[in-house]
Amino acid sequence: TIIQSAKLSNGLTTYQFQLNGKTIGWVDSRALKK
């Protein structure tokens, strides 16, 4: 589940994930487009 997103100054958007009640951390949008 994406719990929040942040737009960085370089134009990338990063997302913070939560899985099974644990916060995974931040992943940028490039990593999701594979």
PDB file of N, CA and C in Angstrom:
ATOM      1  N   THR A   1       0.845  -1.183   0.000  1.00  0.00           N
ATOM      2  CA  THR A   1       0.000   0.000   0.000  1.00  0.00           C
ATOM      3  C   THR A   1       0.883   1.236   0.000  1.00  0.00           C
ATOM      4  N   ILE A   2       0.598   2.183  -0.845  1.00  0.00           N
ATOM      5  CA  ILE A   2       1.317   3.457  -0.812  1.00  0.00           C
ATOM      6  C   ILE A   2       0.684   4.316   0.272  1.00  0.00           C
ATOM      7  N   ILE A   3       1.496   4.748   1.237  1.00  0.00           N
ATOM      8  CA  ILE A   3       0.949   5.557   2.319  1.00  0.00           C
ATOM      9  C   ILE A   3       1.231   7.042   2.142  1.00  0.00           C
ATOM     10  N   GLN A   4       2.284   7.387   1.435  1.00  0.00           N
ATOM     11  CA  GLN A   4       2.484   8.787   1.084  1.00  0.00           C
ATOM     12  C   GLN A   4       3.439   8.897  -0.084  1.00  0.00           C
ATOM     13  N   SER A   5       3.388  10.047  -0.732  1.00  0.00           N
ATOM     14  CA  SER A   5       4.302  10.290  -1.836  1.00  0.00           C
ATOM     15  C   SER A   5       4.902  11.674  -1.667  1.00  0.00           C
ATOM     16  N   ALA A   6       6.060  11.865  -2.255  1.00  0.00           N
ATOM     17  CA  ALA A   6       6.731  13.156  -2.177  1.00  0.00           C
ATOM     18  C   ALA A   6       7.359  13.457  -3.525  1.00  0.00           C
ATOM     19  N   LYS A   7       7.212  14.687  -3.955  1.00  0.00           N
ATOM     20  CA  LYS A   7       7.837  15.102  -5.210  1.00  0.00           C
ATOM     21  C   LYS A   7       9.160  15.777  -4.871  1.00  0.00           C
ATOM     22  N   LEU A   8      10.220  15.257  -5.457  1.00  0.00           N
ATOM     23  CA  LEU A   8      11.543  15.795  -5.182  1.00  0.00           C
ATOM     24  C   LEU A   8      11.853  16.985  -6.077  1.00  0.00           C
ATOM     25  N   SER A   9      12.847  17.754  -5.677  1.00  0.00           N
ATOM     26  CA  SER A   9      13.199  18.956  -6.431  1.00  0.00           C
ATOM     27  C   SER A   9      13.706  18.644  -7.831  1.00  0.00           C
ATOM     28  N   ASN A  10      14.212  17.410  -8.038  1.00  0.00           N
ATOM     29  CA  ASN A  10      14.694  17.029  -9.367  1.00  0.00           C
ATOM     30  C   ASN A  10      13.572  16.501 -10.262  1.00  0.00           C
ATOM     31  N   GLY A  11      12.340  16.545  -9.779  1.00  0.00           N
ATOM     32  CA  GLY A  11      11.205  16.146 -10.595  1.00  0.00           C
ATOM     33  C   GLY A  11      10.752  14.720 -10.382  1.00  0.00           C
ATOM     34  N   LEU A  12      11.537  13.915  -9.670  1.00  0.00           N
ATOM     35  CA  LEU A  12      11.123  12.548  -9.383  1.00  0.00           C
ATOM     36  C   LEU A  12      10.077  12.535  -8.286  1.00  0.00           C
ATOM     37  N   THR A  13       9.226  11.541  -8.336  1.00  0.00           N
ATOM     38  CA  THR A  13       8.280  11.330  -7.255  1.00  0.00           C
ATOM     39  C   THR A  13       8.684  10.060  -6.531  1.00  0.00           C
ATOM     40  N   THR A  14       8.712  10.108  -5.212  1.00  0.00           N
ATOM     41  CA  THR A  14       9.010   8.917  -4.428  1.00  0.00           C
ATOM     42  C   THR A  14       7.771   8.525  -3.640  1.00  0.00           C
ATOM     43  N   TYR A  15       7.669   7.234  -3.374  1.00  0.00           N
ATOM     44  CA  TYR A  15       6.506   6.700  -2.673  1.00  0.00           C
ATOM     45  C   TYR A  15       6.955   5.920  -1.456  1.00  0.00           C
ATOM     46  N   GLN A  16       6.206   6.054  -0.355  1.00  0.00           N
ATOM     47  CA  GLN A  16       6.489   5.258   0.829  1.00  0.00           C
ATOM     48  C   GLN A  16       5.445   4.155   0.900  1.00  0.00           C
ATOM     49  N   PHE A  17       5.928   2.929   1.045  1.00  0.00           N
ATOM     50  CA  PHE A  17       5.066   1.761   1.033  1.00  0.00           C
ATOM     51  C   PHE A  17       4.887   1.181   2.418  1.00  0.00           C
ATOM     52  N   GLN A  18       3.737   0.524   2.599  1.00  0.00           N
ATOM     53  CA  GLN A  18       3.505  -0.252   3.799  1.00  0.00           C
ATOM     54  C   GLN A  18       3.014  -1.621   3.361  1.00  0.00           C
ATOM     55  N   LEU A  19       3.610  -2.678   3.925  1.00  0.00           N
ATOM     56  CA  LEU A  19       3.260  -4.039   3.556  1.00  0.00           C
ATOM     57  C   LEU A  19       3.111  -4.850   4.827  1.00  0.00           C
ATOM     58  N   ASN A  20       1.940  -5.469   5.002  1.00  0.00           N
ATOM     59  CA  ASN A  20       1.660  -6.277   6.191  1.00  0.00           C
ATOM     60  C   ASN A  20       1.907  -5.499   7.477  1.00  0.00           C
ATOM     61  N   GLY A  21       1.565  -4.206   7.463  1.00  0.00           N
ATOM     62  CA  GLY A  21       1.716  -3.397   8.660  1.00  0.00           C
ATOM     63  C   GLY A  21       3.107  -2.843   8.880  1.00  0.00           C
ATOM     64  N   LYS A  22       4.051  -3.209   8.004  1.00  0.00           N
ATOM     65  CA  LYS A  22       5.418  -2.701   8.143  1.00  0.00           C
ATOM     66  C   LYS A  22       5.675  -1.656   7.071  1.00  0.00           C
ATOM     67  N   THR A  23       6.299  -0.572   7.475  1.00  0.00           N
ATOM     68  CA  THR A  23       6.667   0.447   6.507  1.00  0.00           C
ATOM     69  C   THR A  23       7.956   0.026   5.818  1.00  0.00           C
ATOM     70  N   ILE A  24       7.907  -0.058   4.488  1.00  0.00           N
ATOM     71  CA  ILE A  24       9.042  -0.561   3.724  1.00  0.00           C
ATOM     72  C   ILE A  24      10.065   0.548   3.506  1.00  0.00           C
ATOM     73  N   GLY A  25       9.602   1.745   3.230  1.00  0.00           N
ATOM     74  CA  GLY A  25      10.512   2.844   2.949  1.00  0.00           C
ATOM     75  C   GLY A  25      10.162   3.486   1.625  1.00  0.00           C
ATOM     76  N   TRP A  26      11.082   4.304   1.145  1.00  0.00           N
ATOM     77  CA  TRP A  26      10.811   5.112  -0.036  1.00  0.00           C
ATOM     78  C   TRP A  26      11.358   4.460  -1.298  1.00  0.00           C
ATOM     79  N   VAL A  27      10.535   4.472  -2.343  1.00  0.00           N
ATOM     80  CA  VAL A  27      10.930   3.936  -3.643  1.00  0.00           C
ATOM     81  C   VAL A  27      10.598   5.011  -4.667  1.00  0.00           C
ATOM     82  N   ASP A  28      11.543   5.316  -5.541  1.00  0.00           N
ATOM     83  CA  ASP A  28      11.211   6.335  -6.532  1.00  0.00           C
ATOM     84  C   ASP A  28      10.469   5.724  -7.715  1.00  0.00           C
ATOM     85  N   SER A  29       9.821   6.589  -8.457  1.00  0.00           N
ATOM     86  CA  SER A  29       8.908   6.125  -9.499  1.00  0.00           C
ATOM     87  C   SER A  29       9.618   5.347 -10.596  1.00  0.00           C
ATOM     88  N   ARG A  30      10.913   5.580 -10.799  1.00  0.00           N
ATOM     89  CA  ARG A  30      11.646   4.827 -11.830  1.00  0.00           C
ATOM     90  C   ARG A  30      11.680   3.340 -11.497  1.00  0.00           C
ATOM     91  N   ALA A  31      11.748   3.010 -10.213  1.00  0.00           N
ATOM     92  CA  ALA A  31      11.835   1.612  -9.797  1.00  0.00           C
ATOM     93  C   ALA A  31      10.517   0.877 -10.015  1.00  0.00           C
ATOM     94  N   LEU A  32       9.426   1.616 -10.152  1.00  0.00           N
ATOM     95  CA  LEU A  32       8.116   0.991 -10.297  1.00  0.00           C
ATOM     96  C   LEU A  32       7.746   0.719 -11.748  1.00  0.00           C
ATOM     97  N   LYS A  33       8.539   1.229 -12.672  1.00  0.00           N
ATOM     98  CA  LYS A  33       8.158   1.141 -14.087  1.00  0.00           C
ATOM     99  C   LYS A  33       8.840   0.002 -14.814  1.00  0.00           C
ATOM    100  N   LYS A  34       9.312  -0.996 -14.083  1.00  0.00           N
ATOM    101  CA  LYS A  34       9.987  -2.124 -14.714  1.00  0.00           C
ATOM    102  C   LYS A  34       8.974  -3.151 -15.181  1.00  0.00           C
TER     103      LYS A  34
END
